[in-house]
Amino acid sequence: MPVRALRGATTVDADTESDVRARVGVLVAALFARNDLVTDDIISAVVTATVDISSFHPATAARAAGLVDVPILGAQEIDTVGTLPRCIRLLLHIETDRTKAEIEHVFLEGAVVLRPDLARP
């Protein structure tokens, strides 16, 4: 089965554990739903957060959202001028029969500005 990369991003309104947990949970659910995934389809994940998120680890939120048996690497985004604030990004490596064109990347909340061409109402 082919291996594909699936991207997603979201933002939090405030740097709080509840916001991080909630928004990452919605992001993971949307990635799974839009791409007909089950946990066994996920090979690994990379979760990043901007420097202004420190209340709760987004990788822990992703694990709580269903990525229980998935190797996850957490990292901090490069702190550059103009970086979208309070942003969490998720990169999943998946096994799927979908073509690259059929993969549905998910950008939610304020992260829609990162890829408006891929945003969905």
PDB file of N, CA and C in Angstrom:
ATOM      1  N   MET A   1       0.848  -1.176   0.000  1.00  0.00           N
ATOM      2  CA  MET A   1       0.000   0.000   0.000  1.00  0.00           C
ATOM      3  C   MET A   1       0.899   1.246   0.000  1.00  0.00           C
ATOM      4  N   PRO A   2       0.545   2.261  -0.791  1.00  0.00           N
ATOM      5  CA  PRO A   2       1.365   3.482  -0.828  1.00  0.00           C
ATOM      6  C   PRO A   2       1.392   4.224   0.512  1.00  0.00           C
ATOM      7  N   VAL A   3       2.490   4.918   0.740  1.00  0.00           N
ATOM      8  CA  VAL A   3       2.630   5.778   1.908  1.00  0.00           C
ATOM      9  C   VAL A   3       2.458   7.217   1.441  1.00  0.00           C
ATOM     10  N   ARG A   4       1.633   7.964   2.157  1.00  0.00           N
ATOM     11  CA  ARG A   4       1.366   9.366   1.820  1.00  0.00           C
ATOM     12  C   ARG A   4       1.576  10.229   3.058  1.00  0.00           C
ATOM     13  N   ALA A   5       1.756  11.518   2.824  1.00  0.00           N
ATOM     14  CA  ALA A   5       1.846  12.496   3.908  1.00  0.00           C
ATOM     15  C   ALA A   5       0.547  13.286   3.931  1.00  0.00           C
ATOM     16  N   LEU A   6       0.009  13.460   5.119  1.00  0.00           N
ATOM     17  CA  LEU A   6      -1.260  14.156   5.314  1.00  0.00           C
ATOM     18  C   LEU A   6      -1.022  15.304   6.286  1.00  0.00           C
ATOM     19  N   ARG A   7      -1.365  16.523   5.861  1.00  0.00           N
ATOM     20  CA  ARG A   7      -1.090  17.694   6.685  1.00  0.00           C
ATOM     21  C   ARG A   7      -2.362  18.275   7.267  1.00  0.00           C
ATOM     22  N   GLY A   8      -2.192  18.894   8.418  1.00  0.00           N
ATOM     23  CA  GLY A   8      -3.293  19.614   9.037  1.00  0.00           C
ATOM     24  C   GLY A   8      -2.738  20.676   9.954  1.00  0.00           C
ATOM     25  N   ALA A   9      -3.546  21.699  10.208  1.00  0.00           N
ATOM     26  CA  ALA A   9      -3.139  22.756  11.127  1.00  0.00           C
ATOM     27  C   ALA A   9      -4.372  23.406  11.720  1.00  0.00           C
ATOM     28  N   THR A  10      -4.190  23.959  12.896  1.00  0.00           N
ATOM     29  CA  THR A  10      -5.244  24.690  13.568  1.00  0.00           C
ATOM     30  C   THR A  10      -4.599  25.742  14.451  1.00  0.00           C
ATOM     31  N   THR A  11      -5.407  26.595  15.015  1.00  0.00           N
ATOM     32  CA  THR A  11      -4.920  27.573  15.978  1.00  0.00           C
ATOM     33  C   THR A  11      -5.762  27.470  17.237  1.00  0.00           C
ATOM     34  N   VAL A  12      -5.217  27.990  18.331  1.00  0.00           N
ATOM     35  CA  VAL A  12      -5.974  28.070  19.580  1.00  0.00           C
ATOM     36  C   VAL A  12      -6.225  29.537  19.884  1.00  0.00           C
ATOM     37  N   ASP A  13      -7.350  29.809  20.528  1.00  0.00           N
ATOM     38  CA  ASP A  13      -7.671  31.193  20.894  1.00  0.00           C
ATOM     39  C   ASP A  13      -6.803  31.671  22.044  1.00  0.00           C
ATOM     40  N   ALA A  14      -6.489  30.737  22.941  1.00  0.00           N
ATOM     41  CA  ALA A  14      -5.667  31.064  24.104  1.00  0.00           C
ATOM     42  C   ALA A  14      -4.759  29.884  24.406  1.00  0.00           C
ATOM     43  N   ASP A  15      -3.634  30.164  25.001  1.00  0.00           N
ATOM     44  CA  ASP A  15      -2.694  29.112  25.370  1.00  0.00           C
ATOM     45  C   ASP A  15      -3.151  28.460  26.673  1.00  0.00           C
ATOM     46  N   THR A  16      -4.144  27.584  26.536  1.00  0.00           N
ATOM     47  CA  THR A  16      -4.658  26.852  27.695  1.00  0.00           C
ATOM     48  C   THR A  16      -4.727  25.377  27.339  1.00  0.00           C
ATOM     49  N   GLU A  17      -4.631  24.545  28.364  1.00  0.00           N
ATOM     50  CA  GLU A  17      -4.729  23.106  28.127  1.00  0.00           C
ATOM     51  C   GLU A  17      -6.036  22.747  27.450  1.00  0.00           C
ATOM     52  N   SER A  18      -7.132  23.336  27.886  1.00  0.00           N
ATOM     53  CA  SER A  18      -8.432  22.990  27.310  1.00  0.00           C
ATOM     54  C   SER A  18      -8.521  23.383  25.835  1.00  0.00           C
ATOM     55  N   ASP A  19      -7.971  24.543  25.458  1.00  0.00           N
ATOM     56  CA  ASP A  19      -7.983  24.931  24.044  1.00  0.00           C
ATOM     57  C   ASP A  19      -7.116  23.997  23.211  1.00  0.00           C
ATOM     58  N   VAL A  20      -5.924  23.681  23.700  1.00  0.00           N
ATOM     59  CA  VAL A  20      -5.026  22.792  22.953  1.00  0.00           C
ATOM     60  C   VAL A  20      -5.684  21.423  22.773  1.00  0.00           C
ATOM     61  N   ARG A  21      -6.198  20.852  23.850  1.00  0.00           N
ATOM     62  CA  ARG A  21      -6.854  19.541  23.757  1.00  0.00           C
ATOM     63  C   ARG A  21      -8.035  19.568  22.781  1.00  0.00           C
ATOM     64  N   ALA A  22      -8.873  20.589  22.899  1.00  0.00           N
ATOM     65  CA  ALA A  22     -10.074  20.667  22.066  1.00  0.00           C
ATOM     66  C   ALA A  22      -9.731  20.832  20.587  1.00  0.00           C
ATOM     67  N   ARG A  23      -8.850  21.775  20.282  1.00  0.00           N
ATOM     68  CA  ARG A  23      -8.553  22.054  18.873  1.00  0.00           C
ATOM     69  C   ARG A  23      -7.781  20.917  18.207  1.00  0.00           C
ATOM     70  N   VAL A  24      -6.853  20.306  18.934  1.00  0.00           N
ATOM     71  CA  VAL A  24      -6.131  19.159  18.370  1.00  0.00           C
ATOM     72  C   VAL A  24      -7.101  17.990  18.175  1.00  0.00           C
ATOM     73  N   GLY A  25      -8.012  17.798  19.103  1.00  0.00           N
ATOM     74  CA  GLY A  25      -9.012  16.743  18.961  1.00  0.00           C
ATOM     75  C   GLY A  25      -9.872  16.920  17.726  1.00  0.00           C
ATOM     76  N   VAL A  26     -10.308  18.135  17.477  1.00  0.00           N
ATOM     77  CA  VAL A  26     -11.111  18.431  16.279  1.00  0.00           C
ATOM     78  C   VAL A  26     -10.281  18.212  15.019  1.00  0.00           C
ATOM     79  N   LEU A  27      -9.020  18.625  15.042  1.00  0.00           N
ATOM     80  CA  LEU A  27      -8.145  18.449  13.880  1.00  0.00           C
ATOM     81  C   LEU A  27      -7.930  16.979  13.566  1.00  0.00           C
ATOM     82  N   VAL A  28      -7.603  16.197  14.582  1.00  0.00           N
ATOM     83  CA  VAL A  28      -7.394  14.754  14.359  1.00  0.00           C
ATOM     84  C   VAL A  28      -8.673  14.102  13.833  1.00  0.00           C
ATOM     85  N   ALA A  29      -9.795  14.421  14.414  1.00  0.00           N
ATOM     86  CA  ALA A  29     -11.081  13.857  13.963  1.00  0.00           C
ATOM     87  C   ALA A  29     -11.361  14.223  12.508  1.00  0.00           C
ATOM     88  N   ALA A  30     -11.085  15.464  12.129  1.00  0.00           N
ATOM     89  CA  ALA A  30     -11.331  15.894  10.746  1.00  0.00           C
ATOM     90  C   ALA A  30     -10.401  15.184   9.766  1.00  0.00           C
ATOM     91  N   LEU A  31      -9.131  15.028  10.137  1.00  0.00           N
ATOM     92  CA  LEU A  31      -8.196  14.310   9.275  1.00  0.00           C
ATOM     93  C   LEU A  31      -8.651  12.868   9.060  1.00  0.00           C
ATOM     94  N   PHE A  32      -9.085  12.227  10.131  1.00  0.00           N
ATOM     95  CA  PHE A  32      -9.563  10.842  10.034  1.00  0.00           C
ATOM     96  C   PHE A  32     -10.834  10.762   9.189  1.00  0.00           C
ATOM     97  N   ALA A  33     -11.792  11.624   9.462  1.00  0.00           N
ATOM     98  CA  ALA A  33     -13.082  11.570   8.766  1.00  0.00           C
ATOM     99  C   ALA A  33     -12.943  11.879   7.276  1.00  0.00           C
ATOM    100  N   ARG A  34     -12.217  12.918   6.945  1.00  0.00           N
ATOM    101  CA  ARG A  34     -12.106  13.336   5.538  1.00  0.00           C
ATOM    102  C   ARG A  34     -11.271  12.383   4.698  1.00  0.00           C
ATOM    103  N   ASN A  35     -10.466  11.559   5.351  1.00  0.00           N
ATOM    104  CA  ASN A  35      -9.595  10.640   4.616  1.00  0.00           C
ATOM    105  C   ASN A  35      -9.902   9.177   4.900  1.00  0.00           C
ATOM    106  N   ASP A  36     -11.032   8.916   5.557  1.00  0.00           N
ATOM    107  CA  ASP A  36     -11.464   7.551   5.870  1.00  0.00           C
ATOM    108  C   ASP A  36     -10.352   6.734   6.523  1.00  0.00           C
ATOM    109  N   LEU A  37      -9.745   7.297   7.549  1.00  0.00           N
ATOM    110  CA  LEU A  37      -8.628   6.643   8.224  1.00  0.00           C
ATOM    111  C   LEU A  37      -9.074   5.906   9.476  1.00  0.00           C
ATOM    112  N   VAL A  38      -8.293   4.891   9.812  1.00  0.00           N
ATOM    113  CA  VAL A  38      -8.366   4.247  11.122  1.00  0.00           C
ATOM    114  C   VAL A  38      -6.945   4.307  11.683  1.00  0.00           C
ATOM    115  N   THR A  39      -6.810   4.130  12.967  1.00  0.00           N
ATOM    116  CA  THR A  39      -5.509   4.280  13.611  1.00  0.00           C
ATOM    117  C   THR A  39      -4.434   3.402  12.974  1.00  0.00           C
ATOM    118  N   ASP A  40      -4.783   2.199  12.536  1.00  0.00           N
ATOM    119  CA  ASP A  40      -3.792   1.303  11.924  1.00  0.00           C
ATOM    120  C   ASP A  40      -3.229   1.851  10.618  1.00  0.00           C
ATOM    121  N   ASP A  41      -3.881   2.845  10.015  1.00  0.00           N
ATOM    122  CA  ASP A  41      -3.377   3.456   8.781  1.00  0.00           C
ATOM    123  C   ASP A  41      -2.228   4.420   9.042  1.00  0.00           C
ATOM    124  N   ILE A  42      -2.067   4.847  10.290  1.00  0.00           N
ATOM    125  CA  ILE A  42      -1.076   5.864  10.626  1.00  0.00           C
ATOM    126  C   ILE A  42       0.265   5.200  10.936  1.00  0.00           C
ATOM    127  N   ILE A  43       1.296   5.626  10.246  1.00  0.00           N
ATOM    128  CA  ILE A  43       2.640   5.101  10.469  1.00  0.00           C
ATOM    129  C   ILE A  43       3.323   5.891  11.581  1.00  0.00           C
ATOM    130  N   SER A  44       3.304   7.220  11.454  1.00  0.00           N
ATOM    131  CA  SER A  44       3.913   8.098  12.452  1.00  0.00           C
ATOM    132  C   SER A  44       3.349   9.501  12.288  1.00  0.00           C
ATOM    133  N   ALA A  45       3.660  10.348  13.263  1.00  0.00           N
ATOM    134  CA  ALA A  45       3.154  11.718  13.235  1.00  0.00           C
ATOM    135  C   ALA A  45       4.213  12.684  13.739  1.00  0.00           C
ATOM    136  N   VAL A  46       4.180  13.886  13.188  1.00  0.00           N
ATOM    137  CA  VAL A  46       4.988  14.994  13.669  1.00  0.00           C
ATOM    138  C   VAL A  46       4.013  16.092  14.059  1.00  0.00           C
ATOM    139  N   VAL A  47       4.157  16.589  15.273  1.00  0.00           N
ATOM    140  CA  VAL A  47       3.298  17.654  15.777  1.00  0.00           C
ATOM    141  C   VAL A  47       4.186  18.833  16.149  1.00  0.00           C
ATOM    142  N   THR A  48       3.866  20.004  15.607  1.00  0.00           N
ATOM    143  CA  THR A  48       4.630  21.187  15.972  1.00  0.00           C
ATOM    144  C   THR A  48       3.698  22.247  16.543  1.00  0.00           C
ATOM    145  N   ALA A  49       4.289  23.135  17.317  1.00  0.00           N
ATOM    146  CA  ALA A  49       3.539  24.261  17.876  1.00  0.00           C
ATOM    147  C   ALA A  49       4.423  25.492  17.831  1.00  0.00           C
ATOM    148  N   THR A  50       3.791  26.633  17.717  1.00  0.00           N
ATOM    149  CA  THR A  50       4.541  27.876  17.763  1.00  0.00           C
ATOM    150  C   THR A  50       5.015  28.119  19.190  1.00  0.00           C
ATOM    151  N   VAL A  51       5.998  28.992  19.322  1.00  0.00           N
ATOM    152  CA  VAL A  51       6.656  29.231  20.607  1.00  0.00           C
ATOM    153  C   VAL A  51       5.691  29.761  21.673  1.00  0.00           C
ATOM    154  N   ASP A  52       4.568  30.328  21.252  1.00  0.00           N
ATOM    155  CA  ASP A  52       3.621  30.906  22.211  1.00  0.00           C
ATOM    156  C   ASP A  52       2.641  29.889  22.789  1.00  0.00           C
ATOM    157  N   ILE A  53       2.850  28.609  22.505  1.00  0.00           N
ATOM    158  CA  ILE A  53       2.028  27.549  23.093  1.00  0.00           C
ATOM    159  C   ILE A  53       2.908  26.756  24.058  1.00  0.00           C
ATOM    160  N   SER A  54       2.620  26.870  25.353  1.00  0.00           N
ATOM    161  CA  SER A  54       3.427  26.176  26.349  1.00  0.00           C
ATOM    162  C   SER A  54       2.592  25.573  27.476  1.00  0.00           C
ATOM    163  N   SER A  55       1.284  25.742  27.427  1.00  0.00           N
ATOM    164  CA  SER A  55       0.428  25.275  28.522  1.00  0.00           C
ATOM    165  C   SER A  55       0.236  23.761  28.515  1.00  0.00           C
ATOM    166  N   PHE A  56       0.299  23.155  27.330  1.00  0.00           N
ATOM    167  CA  PHE A  56       0.051  21.719  27.209  1.00  0.00           C
ATOM    168  C   PHE A  56       0.694  21.252  25.916  1.00  0.00           C
ATOM    169  N   HIS A  57       1.264  20.063  25.942  1.00  0.00           N
ATOM    170  CA  HIS A  57       1.966  19.558  24.759  1.00  0.00           C
ATOM    171  C   HIS A  57       0.964  19.075  23.712  1.00  0.00           C
ATOM    172  N   PRO A  58       0.990  19.655  22.523  1.00  0.00           N
ATOM    173  CA  PRO A  58       0.057  19.228  21.478  1.00  0.00           C
ATOM    174  C   PRO A  58       0.199  17.751  21.086  1.00  0.00           C
ATOM    175  N   ALA A  59       1.389  17.184  21.224  1.00  0.00           N
ATOM    176  CA  ALA A  59       1.555  15.754  20.923  1.00  0.00           C
ATOM    177  C   ALA A  59       0.777  14.902  21.922  1.00  0.00           C
ATOM    178  N   THR A  60       0.732  15.327  23.161  1.00  0.00           N
ATOM    179  CA  THR A  60      -0.064  14.621  24.173  1.00  0.00           C
ATOM    180  C   THR A  60      -1.545  14.747  23.841  1.00  0.00           C
ATOM    181  N   ALA A  61      -1.954  15.903  23.362  1.00  0.00           N
ATOM    182  CA  ALA A  61      -3.346  16.091  22.943  1.00  0.00           C
ATOM    183  C   ALA A  61      -3.676  15.197  21.752  1.00  0.00           C
ATOM    184  N   ALA A  62      -2.743  15.037  20.820  1.00  0.00           N
ATOM    185  CA  ALA A  62      -2.966  14.161  19.663  1.00  0.00           C
ATOM    186  C   ALA A  62      -3.099  12.703  20.108  1.00  0.00           C
ATOM    187  N   ARG A  63      -2.276  12.301  21.052  1.00  0.00           N
ATOM    188  CA  ARG A  63      -2.369  10.939  21.578  1.00  0.00           C
ATOM    189  C   ARG A  63      -3.733  10.732  22.237  1.00  0.00           C
ATOM    190  N   ALA A  64      -4.186  11.717  23.010  1.00  0.00           N
ATOM    191  CA  ALA A  64      -5.485  11.631  23.678  1.00  0.00           C
ATOM    192  C   ALA A  64      -6.635  11.631  22.669  1.00  0.00           C
ATOM    193  N   ALA A  65      -6.385  12.193  21.490  1.00  0.00           N
ATOM    194  CA  ALA A  65      -7.421  12.256  20.454  1.00  0.00           C
ATOM    195  C   ALA A  65      -7.502  10.984  19.619  1.00  0.00           C
ATOM    196  N   GLY A  66      -6.666   9.984  19.943  1.00  0.00           N
ATOM    197  CA  GLY A  66      -6.783   8.710  19.247  1.00  0.00           C
ATOM    198  C   GLY A  66      -5.510   8.148  18.663  1.00  0.00           C
ATOM    199  N   LEU A  67      -4.425   8.897  18.684  1.00  0.00           N
ATOM    200  CA  LEU A  67      -3.166   8.387  18.129  1.00  0.00           C
ATOM    201  C   LEU A  67      -2.389   7.624  19.191  1.00  0.00           C
ATOM    202  N   VAL A  68      -3.044   6.655  19.779  1.00  0.00           N
ATOM    203  CA  VAL A  68      -2.519   5.938  20.942  1.00  0.00           C
ATOM    204  C   VAL A  68      -1.280   5.113  20.621  1.00  0.00           C
ATOM    205  N   ASP A  69      -1.318   4.327  19.575  1.00  0.00           N
ATOM    206  CA  ASP A  69      -0.207   3.427  19.241  1.00  0.00           C
ATOM    207  C   ASP A  69       0.649   3.971  18.103  1.00  0.00           C
ATOM    208  N   VAL A  70       0.667   5.274  17.937  1.00  0.00           N
ATOM    209  CA  VAL A  70       1.380   5.913  16.839  1.00  0.00           C
ATOM    210  C   VAL A  70       2.636   6.608  17.377  1.00  0.00           C
ATOM    211  N   PRO A  71       3.803   6.361  16.772  1.00  0.00           N
ATOM    212  CA  PRO A  71       4.991   7.119  17.175  1.00  0.00           C
ATOM    213  C   PRO A  71       4.786   8.597  16.822  1.00  0.00           C
ATOM    214  N   ILE A  72       4.964   9.480  17.806  1.00  0.00           N
ATOM    215  CA  ILE A  72       4.752  10.914  17.601  1.00  0.00           C
ATOM    216  C   ILE A  72       6.013  11.666  17.987  1.00  0.00           C
ATOM    217  N   LEU A  73       6.421  12.571  17.119  1.00  0.00           N
ATOM    218  CA  LEU A  73       7.535  13.464  17.399  1.00  0.00           C
ATOM    219  C   LEU A  73       6.977  14.865  17.560  1.00  0.00           C
ATOM    220  N   GLY A  74       7.251  15.481  18.687  1.00  0.00           N
ATOM    221  CA  GLY A  74       6.822  16.853  18.927  1.00  0.00           C
ATOM    222  C   GLY A  74       7.980  17.802  18.730  1.00  0.00           C
ATOM    223  N   ALA A  75       7.684  18.984  18.170  1.00  0.00           N
ATOM    224  CA  ALA A  75       8.737  19.979  17.933  1.00  0.00           C
ATOM    225  C   ALA A  75       8.137  21.375  17.999  1.00  0.00           C
ATOM    226  N   GLN A  76       9.036  22.348  18.104  1.00  0.00           N
ATOM    227  CA  GLN A  76       8.603  23.737  18.113  1.00  0.00           C
ATOM    228  C   GLN A  76       8.858  24.335  16.736  1.00  0.00           C
ATOM    229  N   GLU A  77       7.895  25.106  16.247  1.00  0.00           N
ATOM    230  CA  GLU A  77       8.058  25.808  14.974  1.00  0.00           C
ATOM    231  C   GLU A  77       9.182  26.826  15.089  1.00  0.00           C
ATOM    232  N   ILE A  78       9.811  27.137  13.999  1.00  0.00           N
ATOM    233  CA  ILE A  78      10.839  28.171  13.976  1.00  0.00           C
ATOM    234  C   ILE A  78      10.161  29.506  14.275  1.00  0.00           C
ATOM    235  N   ASP A  79      10.724  30.255  15.199  1.00  0.00           N
ATOM    236  CA  ASP A  79      10.152  31.527  15.631  1.00  0.00           C
ATOM    237  C   ASP A  79      10.640  32.639  14.705  1.00  0.00           C
ATOM    238  N   THR A  80       9.883  32.900  13.645  1.00  0.00           N
ATOM    239  CA  THR A  80      10.253  33.931  12.688  1.00  0.00           C
ATOM    240  C   THR A  80       9.212  35.040  12.672  1.00  0.00           C
ATOM    241  N   VAL A  81       9.632  36.191  12.198  1.00  0.00           N
ATOM    242  CA  VAL A  81       8.725  37.330  12.078  1.00  0.00           C
ATOM    243  C   VAL A  81       7.577  36.956  11.137  1.00  0.00           C
ATOM    244  N   GLY A  82       6.364  37.232  11.562  1.00  0.00           N
ATOM    245  CA  GLY A  82       5.197  36.967  10.727  1.00  0.00           C
ATOM    246  C   GLY A  82       4.606  35.585  10.871  1.00  0.00           C
ATOM    247  N   THR A  83       5.176  34.760  11.741  1.00  0.00           N
ATOM    248  CA  THR A  83       4.628  33.423  11.962  1.00  0.00           C
ATOM    249  C   THR A  83       3.213  33.526  12.525  1.00  0.00           C
ATOM    250  N   LEU A  84       2.328  32.692  12.036  1.00  0.00           N
ATOM    251  CA  LEU A  84       0.956  32.660  12.533  1.00  0.00           C
ATOM    252  C   LEU A  84       0.979  32.305  14.018  1.00  0.00           C
ATOM    253  N   PRO A  85       0.419  33.150  14.874  1.00  0.00           N
ATOM    254  CA  PRO A  85       0.471  32.876  16.319  1.00  0.00           C
ATOM    255  C   PRO A  85      -0.440  31.727  16.748  1.00  0.00           C
ATOM    256  N   ARG A  86      -0.056  31.110  17.865  1.00  0.00           N
ATOM    257  CA  ARG A  86      -0.825  30.040  18.508  1.00  0.00           C
ATOM    258  C   ARG A  86      -1.269  28.971  17.500  1.00  0.00           C
ATOM    259  N   CYS A  87      -0.305  28.512  16.710  1.00  0.00           N
ATOM    260  CA  CYS A  87      -0.605  27.551  15.639  1.00  0.00           C
ATOM    261  C   CYS A  87      -0.014  26.175  15.956  1.00  0.00           C
ATOM    262  N   ILE A  88      -0.808  25.156  15.704  1.00  0.00           N
ATOM    263  CA  ILE A  88      -0.393  23.760  15.877  1.00  0.00           C
ATOM    264  C   ILE A  88      -0.513  23.087  14.517  1.00  0.00           C
ATOM    265  N   ARG A  89       0.565  22.429  14.119  1.00  0.00           N
ATOM    266  CA  ARG A  89       0.570  21.716  12.836  1.00  0.00           C
ATOM    267  C   ARG A  89       0.747  20.227  13.097  1.00  0.00           C
ATOM    268  N   LEU A  90       0.144  19.438  12.229  1.00  0.00           N
ATOM    269  CA  LEU A  90       0.213  17.989  12.355  1.00  0.00           C
ATOM    270  C   LEU A  90       0.534  17.397  10.992  1.00  0.00           C
ATOM    271  N   LEU A  91       1.526  16.542  10.937  1.00  0.00           N
ATOM    272  CA  LEU A  91       1.891  15.826   9.720  1.00  0.00           C
ATOM    273  C   LEU A  91       1.781  14.336  10.023  1.00  0.00           C
ATOM    274  N   LEU A  92       0.890  13.669   9.320  1.00  0.00           N
ATOM    275  CA  LEU A  92       0.710  12.232   9.487  1.00  0.00           C
ATOM    276  C   LEU A  92       1.309  11.506   8.287  1.00  0.00           C
ATOM    277  N   HIS A  93       2.028  10.445   8.546  1.00  0.00           N
ATOM    278  CA  HIS A  93       2.498   9.545   7.489  1.00  0.00           C
ATOM    279  C   HIS A  93       1.529   8.376   7.512  1.00  0.00           C
ATOM    280  N   ILE A  94       0.860   8.159   6.385  1.00  0.00           N
ATOM    281  CA  ILE A  94      -0.221   7.179   6.360  1.00  0.00           C
ATOM    282  C   ILE A  94      -0.044   6.163   5.229  1.00  0.00           C
ATOM    283  N   GLU A  95      -0.646   5.002   5.442  1.00  0.00           N
ATOM    284  CA  GLU A  95      -0.770   4.019   4.369  1.00  0.00           C
ATOM    285  C   GLU A  95      -2.188   4.153   3.831  1.00  0.00           C
ATOM    286  N   THR A  96      -2.294   4.342   2.515  1.00  0.00           N
ATOM    287  CA  THR A  96      -3.605   4.542   1.908  1.00  0.00           C
ATOM    288  C   THR A  96      -3.563   4.206   0.423  1.00  0.00           C
ATOM    289  N   ASP A  97      -4.685   3.809  -0.096  1.00  0.00           N
ATOM    290  CA  ASP A  97      -4.802   3.593  -1.540  1.00  0.00           C
ATOM    291  C   ASP A  97      -5.179   4.881  -2.263  1.00  0.00           C
ATOM    292  N   ARG A  98      -5.449   5.940  -1.520  1.00  0.00           N
ATOM    293  CA  ARG A  98      -5.781   7.224  -2.142  1.00  0.00           C
ATOM    294  C   ARG A  98      -4.562   7.784  -2.877  1.00  0.00           C
ATOM    295  N   THR A  99      -4.834   8.444  -3.992  1.00  0.00           N
ATOM    296  CA  THR A  99      -3.764   9.132  -4.708  1.00  0.00           C
ATOM    297  C   THR A  99      -3.453  10.434  -3.974  1.00  0.00           C
ATOM    298  N   LYS A 100      -2.337  11.081  -4.346  1.00  0.00           N
ATOM    299  CA  LYS A 100      -2.016  12.373  -3.739  1.00  0.00           C
ATOM    300  C   LYS A 100      -3.160  13.366  -3.939  1.00  0.00           C
ATOM    301  N   ALA A 101      -3.775  13.329  -5.097  1.00  0.00           N
ATOM    302  CA  ALA A 101      -4.872  14.253  -5.404  1.00  0.00           C
ATOM    303  C   ALA A 101      -6.112  13.976  -4.559  1.00  0.00           C
ATOM    304  N   GLU A 102      -6.265  12.760  -4.080  1.00  0.00           N
ATOM    305  CA  GLU A 102      -7.436  12.402  -3.280  1.00  0.00           C
ATOM    306  C   GLU A 102      -7.256  12.652  -1.784  1.00  0.00           C
ATOM    307  N   ILE A 103      -6.038  12.942  -1.364  1.00  0.00           N
ATOM    308  CA  ILE A 103      -5.772  13.228   0.048  1.00  0.00           C
ATOM    309  C   ILE A 103      -6.399  14.575   0.396  1.00  0.00           C
ATOM    310  N   GLU A 104      -7.082  14.639   1.535  1.00  0.00           N
ATOM    311  CA  GLU A 104      -7.686  15.896   1.985  1.00  0.00           C
ATOM    312  C   GLU A 104      -6.944  16.419   3.207  1.00  0.00           C
ATOM    313  N   HIS A 105      -6.092  17.407   2.966  1.00  0.00           N
ATOM    314  CA  HIS A 105      -5.400  18.087   4.043  1.00  0.00           C
ATOM    315  C   HIS A 105      -6.421  18.974   4.761  1.00  0.00           C
ATOM    316  N   VAL A 106      -6.198  19.235   6.033  1.00  0.00           N
ATOM    317  CA  VAL A 106      -7.198  19.956   6.827  1.00  0.00           C
ATOM    318  C   VAL A 106      -6.559  21.165   7.505  1.00  0.00           C
ATOM    319  N   PHE A 107      -7.120  22.333   7.231  1.00  0.00           N
ATOM    320  CA  PHE A 107      -6.688  23.575   7.860  1.00  0.00           C
ATOM    321  C   PHE A 107      -7.897  24.210   8.506  1.00  0.00           C
ATOM    322  N   LEU A 108      -7.838  24.376   9.825  1.00  0.00           N
ATOM    323  CA  LEU A 108      -8.983  24.851  10.600  1.00  0.00           C
ATOM    324  C   LEU A 108      -8.671  26.154  11.321  1.00  0.00           C
ATOM    325  N   GLU A 109      -9.730  26.811  11.760  1.00  0.00           N
ATOM    326  CA  GLU A 109      -9.626  28.037  12.561  1.00  0.00           C
ATOM    327  C   GLU A 109      -8.729  29.049  11.845  1.00  0.00           C
ATOM    328  N   GLY A 110      -7.845  29.696  12.576  1.00  0.00           N
ATOM    329  CA  GLY A 110      -6.968  30.705  11.985  1.00  0.00           C
ATOM    330  C   GLY A 110      -5.950  30.143  11.012  1.00  0.00           C
ATOM    331  N   ALA A 111      -5.727  28.836  11.045  1.00  0.00           N
ATOM    332  CA  ALA A 111      -4.742  28.209  10.158  1.00  0.00           C
ATOM    333  C   ALA A 111      -5.213  28.145   8.709  1.00  0.00           C
ATOM    334  N   VAL A 112      -6.447  28.494   8.453  1.00  0.00           N
ATOM    335  CA  VAL A 112      -6.958  28.529   7.078  1.00  0.00           C
ATOM    336  C   VAL A 112      -6.094  29.464   6.219  1.00  0.00           C
ATOM    337  N   VAL A 113      -5.538  30.516   6.827  1.00  0.00           N
ATOM    338  CA  VAL A 113      -4.709  31.465   6.056  1.00  0.00           C
ATOM    339  C   VAL A 113      -3.432  30.828   5.531  1.00  0.00           C
ATOM    340  N   LEU A 114      -3.009  29.721   6.116  1.00  0.00           N
ATOM    341  CA  LEU A 114      -1.787  29.054   5.650  1.00  0.00           C
ATOM    342  C   LEU A 114      -1.979  28.440   4.280  1.00  0.00           C
ATOM    343  N   ARG A 115      -3.139  27.871   4.053  1.00  0.00           N
ATOM    344  CA  ARG A 115      -3.446  27.229   2.760  1.00  0.00           C
ATOM    345  C   ARG A 115      -4.921  27.441   2.418  1.00  0.00           C
ATOM    346  N   PRO A 116      -5.302  28.664   2.063  1.00  0.00           N
ATOM    347  CA  PRO A 116      -6.713  28.914   1.744  1.00  0.00           C
ATOM    348  C   PRO A 116      -7.195  28.069   0.567  1.00  0.00           C
ATOM    349  N   ASP A 117      -6.274  27.658  -0.296  1.00  0.00           N
ATOM    350  CA  ASP A 117      -6.647  26.812  -1.426  1.00  0.00           C
ATOM    351  C   ASP A 117      -7.103  25.413  -0.988  1.00  0.00           C
ATOM    352  N   LEU A 118      -6.713  24.998   0.209  1.00  0.00           N
ATOM    353  CA  LEU A 118      -7.083  23.672   0.707  1.00  0.00           C
ATOM    354  C   LEU A 118      -8.182  23.731   1.768  1.00  0.00           C
ATOM    355  N   ALA A 119      -8.574  24.939   2.158  1.00  0.00           N
ATOM    356  CA  ALA A 119      -9.592  25.089   3.200  1.00  0.00           C
ATOM    357  C   ALA A 119     -10.953  24.646   2.676  1.00  0.00           C
ATOM    358  N   ARG A 120     -11.737  24.140   3.576  1.00  0.00           N
ATOM    359  CA  ARG A 120     -13.066  23.649   3.239  1.00  0.00           C
ATOM    360  C   ARG A 120     -14.031  24.256   4.239  1.00  0.00           C
ATOM    361  N   PRO A 121     -15.182  24.734   3.731  1.00  0.00           N
ATOM    362  CA  PRO A 121     -16.147  25.349   4.663  1.00  0.00           C
ATOM    363  C   PRO A 121     -16.663  24.387   5.706  1.00  0.00           C
TER     364      PRO A 121
END
